[in-house]
Amino acid sequence: MKLKVIVHEAEEGGYWAEAPAIPGCATQGETFEELLKNIYEAVEGCLSVDIKPVDPKDTRARIWEIAV
């Protein structure tokens, strides 16, 4: 998966970045190298979801797979 990330220079120094394709996914870093590490962690955190296992005998539960 490839994502576009917008990198901004922070007024107080350092950088901050956002991934517009993932609402609310943003991070910051004092250096560009720190920002790069942080944006990977931020994207991973924003995309990871804790899903409880579904009981296959539960006829009310449905599992859907969607492409985004």
PDB file of N, CA and C in Angstrom:
ATOM      1  N   MET A   1       0.852  -1.171   0.000  1.00  0.00           N
ATOM      2  CA  MET A   1       0.000   0.000   0.000  1.00  0.00           C
ATOM      3  C   MET A   1       0.895   1.229   0.000  1.00  0.00           C
ATOM      4  N   LYS A   2       0.548   2.191  -0.813  1.00  0.00           N
ATOM      5  CA  LYS A   2       1.268   3.458  -0.833  1.00  0.00           C
ATOM      6  C   LYS A   2       0.315   4.555  -0.380  1.00  0.00           C
ATOM      7  N   LEU A   3       0.817   5.446   0.453  1.00  0.00           N
ATOM      8  CA  LEU A   3       0.035   6.579   0.938  1.00  0.00           C
ATOM      9  C   LEU A   3       0.795   7.864   0.686  1.00  0.00           C
ATOM     10  N   LYS A   4       0.074   8.898   0.355  1.00  0.00           N
ATOM     11  CA  LYS A   4       0.696  10.214   0.275  1.00  0.00           C
ATOM     12  C   LYS A   4       0.699  10.821   1.674  1.00  0.00           C
ATOM     13  N   VAL A   5       1.820  11.409   2.038  1.00  0.00           N
ATOM     14  CA  VAL A   5       1.977  12.048   3.341  1.00  0.00           C
ATOM     15  C   VAL A   5       2.387  13.494   3.084  1.00  0.00           C
ATOM     16  N   ILE A   6       1.743  14.422   3.763  1.00  0.00           N
ATOM     17  CA  ILE A   6       2.093  15.835   3.636  1.00  0.00           C
ATOM     18  C   ILE A   6       2.957  16.209   4.833  1.00  0.00           C
ATOM     19  N   VAL A   7       4.153  16.709   4.545  1.00  0.00           N
ATOM     20  CA  VAL A   7       5.095  17.096   5.593  1.00  0.00           C
ATOM     21  C   VAL A   7       5.093  18.616   5.703  1.00  0.00           C
ATOM     22  N   HIS A   8       4.980  19.106   6.934  1.00  0.00           N
ATOM     23  CA  HIS A   8       4.961  20.539   7.219  1.00  0.00           C
ATOM     24  C   HIS A   8       6.128  20.879   8.148  1.00  0.00           C
ATOM     25  N   GLU A   9       6.695  22.056   7.979  1.00  0.00           N
ATOM     26  CA  GLU A   9       7.655  22.548   8.957  1.00  0.00           C
ATOM     27  C   GLU A   9       6.857  23.201  10.069  1.00  0.00           C
ATOM     28  N   ALA A  10       7.138  22.817  11.310  1.00  0.00           N
ATOM     29  CA  ALA A  10       6.419  23.374  12.456  1.00  0.00           C
ATOM     30  C   ALA A  10       6.976  24.756  12.784  1.00  0.00           C
ATOM     31  N   GLU A  11       6.106  25.674  13.177  1.00  0.00           N
ATOM     32  CA  GLU A  11       6.526  27.035  13.514  1.00  0.00           C
ATOM     33  C   GLU A  11       7.534  27.059  14.651  1.00  0.00           C
ATOM     34  N   GLU A  12       7.376  26.149  15.608  1.00  0.00           N
ATOM     35  CA  GLU A  12       8.259  26.119  16.771  1.00  0.00           C
ATOM     36  C   GLU A  12       9.516  25.293  16.531  1.00  0.00           C
ATOM     37  N   GLY A  13       9.688  24.813  15.315  1.00  0.00           N
ATOM     38  CA  GLY A  13      10.830  23.972  14.964  1.00  0.00           C
ATOM     39  C   GLY A  13      10.387  22.537  14.769  1.00  0.00           C
ATOM     40  N   GLY A  14      11.168  21.794  14.041  1.00  0.00           N
ATOM     41  CA  GLY A  14      10.811  20.409  13.767  1.00  0.00           C
ATOM     42  C   GLY A  14       9.806  20.318  12.639  1.00  0.00           C
ATOM     43  N   TYR A  15       9.153  19.185  12.574  1.00  0.00           N
ATOM     44  CA  TYR A  15       8.218  18.898  11.487  1.00  0.00           C
ATOM     45  C   TYR A  15       6.975  18.214  12.032  1.00  0.00           C
ATOM     46  N   TRP A  16       5.910  18.290  11.250  1.00  0.00           N
ATOM     47  CA  TRP A  16       4.732  17.465  11.516  1.00  0.00           C
ATOM     48  C   TRP A  16       4.208  16.988  10.173  1.00  0.00           C
ATOM     49  N   ALA A  17       3.530  15.839  10.197  1.00  0.00           N
ATOM     50  CA  ALA A  17       3.050  15.243   8.953  1.00  0.00           C
ATOM     51  C   ALA A  17       1.665  14.670   9.157  1.00  0.00           C
ATOM     52  N   GLU A  18       0.942  14.581   8.049  1.00  0.00           N
ATOM     53  CA  GLU A  18      -0.401  14.006   8.065  1.00  0.00           C
ATOM     54  C   GLU A  18      -0.577  13.107   6.852  1.00  0.00           C
ATOM     55  N   ALA A  19      -1.405  12.098   7.017  1.00  0.00           N
ATOM     56  CA  ALA A  19      -1.769  11.204   5.918  1.00  0.00           C
ATOM     57  C   ALA A  19      -3.243  11.477   5.614  1.00  0.00           C
ATOM     58  N   PRO A  20      -3.531  12.326   4.628  1.00  0.00           N
ATOM     59  CA  PRO A  20      -4.913  12.738   4.363  1.00  0.00           C
ATOM     60  C   PRO A  20      -5.875  11.593   4.071  1.00  0.00           C
ATOM     61  N   ALA A  21      -5.387  10.477   3.561  1.00  0.00           N
ATOM     62  CA  ALA A  21      -6.258   9.341   3.253  1.00  0.00           C
ATOM     63  C   ALA A  21      -6.774   8.653   4.512  1.00  0.00           C
ATOM     64  N   ILE A  22      -6.140   8.951   5.655  1.00  0.00           N
ATOM     65  CA  ILE A  22      -6.547   8.345   6.928  1.00  0.00           C
ATOM     66  C   ILE A  22      -6.900   9.488   7.875  1.00  0.00           C
ATOM     67  N   PRO A  23      -8.172   9.841   7.983  1.00  0.00           N
ATOM     68  CA  PRO A  23      -8.569  10.970   8.826  1.00  0.00           C
ATOM     69  C   PRO A  23      -8.001  10.863  10.248  1.00  0.00           C
ATOM     70  N   GLY A  24      -7.404  11.951  10.705  1.00  0.00           N
ATOM     71  CA  GLY A  24      -6.866  11.999  12.062  1.00  0.00           C
ATOM     72  C   GLY A  24      -5.481  11.418  12.215  1.00  0.00           C
ATOM     73  N   CYS A  25      -4.890  10.930  11.137  1.00  0.00           N
ATOM     74  CA  CYS A  25      -3.563  10.309  11.219  1.00  0.00           C
ATOM     75  C   CYS A  25      -2.504  11.382  10.998  1.00  0.00           C
ATOM     76  N   ALA A  26      -1.858  11.774  12.083  1.00  0.00           N
ATOM     77  CA  ALA A  26      -0.820  12.803  12.029  1.00  0.00           C
ATOM     78  C   ALA A  26       0.190  12.536  13.130  1.00  0.00           C
ATOM     79  N   THR A  27       1.382  13.103  12.962  1.00  0.00           N
ATOM     80  CA  THR A  27       2.432  12.943  13.963  1.00  0.00           C
ATOM     81  C   THR A  27       3.430  14.074  13.803  1.00  0.00           C
ATOM     82  N   GLN A  28       4.440  14.089  14.660  1.00  0.00           N
ATOM     83  CA  GLN A  28       5.460  15.132  14.589  1.00  0.00           C
ATOM     84  C   GLN A  28       6.819  14.542  14.935  1.00  0.00           C
ATOM     85  N   GLY A  29       7.856  15.327  14.672  1.00  0.00           N
ATOM     86  CA  GLY A  29       9.209  14.917  15.016  1.00  0.00           C
ATOM     87  C   GLY A  29      10.130  16.119  15.032  1.00  0.00           C
ATOM     88  N   GLU A  30      11.148  16.071  15.868  1.00  0.00           N
ATOM     89  CA  GLU A  30      12.110  17.173  15.953  1.00  0.00           C
ATOM     90  C   GLU A  30      13.004  17.221  14.716  1.00  0.00           C
ATOM     91  N   THR A  31      13.320  16.051  14.159  1.00  0.00           N
ATOM     92  CA  THR A  31      14.125  15.969  12.947  1.00  0.00           C
ATOM     93  C   THR A  31      13.318  15.243  11.877  1.00  0.00           C
ATOM     94  N   PHE A  32      13.776  15.351  10.623  1.00  0.00           N
ATOM     95  CA  PHE A  32      13.074  14.665   9.547  1.00  0.00           C
ATOM     96  C   PHE A  32      13.139  13.158   9.743  1.00  0.00           C
ATOM     97  N   GLU A  33      14.286  12.656  10.219  1.00  0.00           N
ATOM     98  CA  GLU A  33      14.441  11.221  10.457  1.00  0.00           C
ATOM     99  C   GLU A  33      13.468  10.739  11.530  1.00  0.00           C
ATOM    100  N   GLU A  34      13.310  11.517  12.591  1.00  0.00           N
ATOM    101  CA  GLU A  34      12.355  11.160  13.650  1.00  0.00           C
ATOM    102  C   GLU A  34      10.929  11.199  13.112  1.00  0.00           C
ATOM    103  N   LEU A  35      10.626  12.202  12.306  1.00  0.00           N
ATOM    104  CA  LEU A  35       9.297  12.312  11.708  1.00  0.00           C
ATOM    105  C   LEU A  35       8.996  11.097  10.833  1.00  0.00           C
ATOM    106  N   LEU A  36       9.964  10.674  10.039  1.00  0.00           N
ATOM    107  CA  LEU A  36       9.766   9.527   9.158  1.00  0.00           C
ATOM    108  C   LEU A  36       9.444   8.276   9.971  1.00  0.00           C
ATOM    109  N   LYS A  37      10.180   8.041  11.032  1.00  0.00           N
ATOM    110  CA  LYS A  37       9.915   6.894  11.908  1.00  0.00           C
ATOM    111  C   LYS A  37       8.519   7.012  12.515  1.00  0.00           C
ATOM    112  N   ASN A  38       8.177   8.206  12.975  1.00  0.00           N
ATOM    113  CA  ASN A  38       6.891   8.421  13.632  1.00  0.00           C
ATOM    114  C   ASN A  38       5.709   8.276  12.682  1.00  0.00           C
ATOM    115  N   ILE A  39       5.858   8.693  11.414  1.00  0.00           N
ATOM    116  CA  ILE A  39       4.722   8.595  10.502  1.00  0.00           C
ATOM    117  C   ILE A  39       4.432   7.137  10.171  1.00  0.00           C
ATOM    118  N   TYR A  40       5.469   6.306  10.060  1.00  0.00           N
ATOM    119  CA  TYR A  40       5.231   4.874   9.852  1.00  0.00           C
ATOM    120  C   TYR A  40       4.461   4.291  11.035  1.00  0.00           C
ATOM    121  N   GLU A  41       4.876   4.646  12.255  1.00  0.00           N
ATOM    122  CA  GLU A  41       4.186   4.151  13.451  1.00  0.00           C
ATOM    123  C   GLU A  41       2.752   4.669  13.513  1.00  0.00           C
ATOM    124  N   ALA A  42       2.551   5.948  13.150  1.00  0.00           N
ATOM    125  CA  ALA A  42       1.211   6.532  13.188  1.00  0.00           C
ATOM    126  C   ALA A  42       0.274   5.836  12.204  1.00  0.00           C
ATOM    127  N   VAL A  43       0.746   5.605  10.989  1.00  0.00           N
ATOM    128  CA  VAL A  43      -0.085   4.934   9.983  1.00  0.00           C
ATOM    129  C   VAL A  43      -0.415   3.521  10.439  1.00  0.00           C
ATOM    130  N   GLU A  44       0.585   2.817  10.946  1.00  0.00           N
ATOM    131  CA  GLU A  44       0.338   1.455  11.436  1.00  0.00           C
ATOM    132  C   GLU A  44      -0.697   1.459  12.551  1.00  0.00           C
ATOM    133  N   GLY A  45      -0.578   2.408  13.467  1.00  0.00           N
ATOM    134  CA  GLY A  45      -1.537   2.499  14.570  1.00  0.00           C
ATOM    135  C   GLY A  45      -2.933   2.856  14.101  1.00  0.00           C
ATOM    136  N   CYS A  46      -3.023   3.754  13.124  1.00  0.00           N
ATOM    137  CA  CYS A  46      -4.337   4.160  12.618  1.00  0.00           C
ATOM    138  C   CYS A  46      -5.017   3.038  11.841  1.00  0.00           C
ATOM    139  N   LEU A  47      -4.234   2.182  11.208  1.00  0.00           N
ATOM    140  CA  LEU A  47      -4.817   1.112  10.401  1.00  0.00           C
ATOM    141  C   LEU A  47      -5.052  -0.181  11.174  1.00  0.00           C
ATOM    142  N   SER A  48      -4.415  -0.331  12.320  1.00  0.00           N
ATOM    143  CA  SER A  48      -4.600  -1.576  13.077  1.00  0.00           C
ATOM    144  C   SER A  48      -5.913  -1.510  13.847  1.00  0.00           C
ATOM    145  N   VAL A  49      -6.609  -2.602  13.815  1.00  0.00           N
ATOM    146  CA  VAL A  49      -7.914  -2.675  14.457  1.00  0.00           C
ATOM    147  C   VAL A  49      -7.971  -3.959  15.266  1.00  0.00           C
ATOM    148  N   ASP A  50      -8.454  -3.856  16.476  1.00  0.00           N
ATOM    149  CA  ASP A  50      -8.653  -5.043  17.296  1.00  0.00           C
ATOM    150  C   ASP A  50     -10.029  -5.612  16.999  1.00  0.00           C
ATOM    151  N   ILE A  51     -10.072  -6.792  16.440  1.00  0.00           N
ATOM    152  CA  ILE A  51     -11.345  -7.420  16.106  1.00  0.00           C
ATOM    153  C   ILE A  51     -11.505  -8.663  16.960  1.00  0.00           C
ATOM    154  N   LYS A  52     -12.632  -8.744  17.668  1.00  0.00           N
ATOM    155  CA  LYS A  52     -12.916  -9.936  18.457  1.00  0.00           C
ATOM    156  C   LYS A  52     -13.244 -11.084  17.516  1.00  0.00           C
ATOM    157  N   PRO A  53     -12.789 -12.278  17.854  1.00  0.00           N
ATOM    158  CA  PRO A  53     -13.169 -13.434  17.027  1.00  0.00           C
ATOM    159  C   PRO A  53     -14.694 -13.597  17.020  1.00  0.00           C
ATOM    160  N   VAL A  54     -15.229 -13.946  15.866  1.00  0.00           N
ATOM    161  CA  VAL A  54     -16.670 -14.120  15.720  1.00  0.00           C
ATOM    162  C   VAL A  54     -17.006 -15.598  15.833  1.00  0.00           C
ATOM    163  N   ASP A  55     -18.012 -15.900  16.617  1.00  0.00           N
ATOM    164  CA  ASP A  55     -18.481 -17.275  16.762  1.00  0.00           C
ATOM    165  C   ASP A  55     -19.216 -17.663  15.480  1.00  0.00           C
ATOM    166  N   PRO A  56     -18.713 -18.639  14.740  1.00  0.00           N
ATOM    167  CA  PRO A  56     -19.358 -19.009  13.470  1.00  0.00           C
ATOM    168  C   PRO A  56     -20.782 -19.529  13.647  1.00  0.00           C
ATOM    169  N   LYS A  57     -21.159 -19.926  14.864  1.00  0.00           N
ATOM    170  CA  LYS A  57     -22.518 -20.416  15.107  1.00  0.00           C
ATOM    171  C   LYS A  57     -23.510 -19.278  15.330  1.00  0.00           C
ATOM    172  N   ASP A  58     -23.001 -18.073  15.527  1.00  0.00           N
ATOM    173  CA  ASP A  58     -23.853 -16.905  15.751  1.00  0.00           C
ATOM    174  C   ASP A  58     -24.395 -16.425  14.410  1.00  0.00           C
ATOM    175  N   THR A  59     -25.661 -16.678  14.149  1.00  0.00           N
ATOM    176  CA  THR A  59     -26.256 -16.328  12.855  1.00  0.00           C
ATOM    177  C   THR A  59     -26.483 -14.822  12.705  1.00  0.00           C
ATOM    178  N   ARG A  60     -26.360 -14.065  13.785  1.00  0.00           N
ATOM    179  CA  ARG A  60     -26.533 -12.612  13.692  1.00  0.00           C
ATOM    180  C   ARG A  60     -25.240 -11.916  13.284  1.00  0.00           C
ATOM    181  N   ALA A  61     -24.098 -12.583  13.450  1.00  0.00           N
ATOM    182  CA  ALA A  61     -22.806 -11.977  13.132  1.00  0.00           C
ATOM    183  C   ALA A  61     -22.471 -12.197  11.660  1.00  0.00           C
ATOM    184  N   ARG A  62     -21.906 -11.178  11.056  1.00  0.00           N
ATOM    185  CA  ARG A  62     -21.481 -11.267   9.665  1.00  0.00           C
ATOM    186  C   ARG A  62     -20.075 -10.707   9.544  1.00  0.00           C
ATOM    187  N   ILE A  63     -19.272 -11.328   8.746  1.00  0.00           N
ATOM    188  CA  ILE A  63     -17.932 -10.832   8.473  1.00  0.00           C
ATOM    189  C   ILE A  63     -17.913 -10.384   7.020  1.00  0.00           C
ATOM    190  N   TRP A  64     -17.534  -9.141   6.805  1.00  0.00           N
ATOM    191  CA  TRP A  64     -17.466  -8.587   5.469  1.00  0.00           C
ATOM    192  C   TRP A  64     -16.039  -8.166   5.224  1.00  0.00           C
ATOM    193  N   GLU A  65     -15.567  -8.353   4.023  1.00  0.00           N
ATOM    194  CA  GLU A  65     -14.250  -7.871   3.630  1.00  0.00           C
ATOM    195  C   GLU A  65     -14.470  -6.799   2.583  1.00  0.00           C
ATOM    196  N   ILE A  66     -13.880  -5.631   2.814  1.00  0.00           N
ATOM    197  CA  ILE A  66     -14.043  -4.541   1.867  1.00  0.00           C
ATOM    198  C   ILE A  66     -12.653  -4.074   1.397  1.00  0.00           C
ATOM    199  N   ALA A  67     -12.599  -3.499   0.245  1.00  0.00           N
ATOM    200  CA  ALA A  67     -11.361  -2.927  -0.275  1.00  0.00           C
ATOM    201  C   ALA A  67     -11.425  -1.415  -0.085  1.00  0.00           C
ATOM    202  N   VAL A  68     -10.352  -0.865   0.424  1.00  0.00           N
ATOM    203  CA  VAL A  68     -10.294   0.593   0.611  1.00  0.00           C
ATOM    204  C   VAL A  68      -9.091   1.165  -0.097  1.00  0.00           C
TER     205      VAL A  68
END
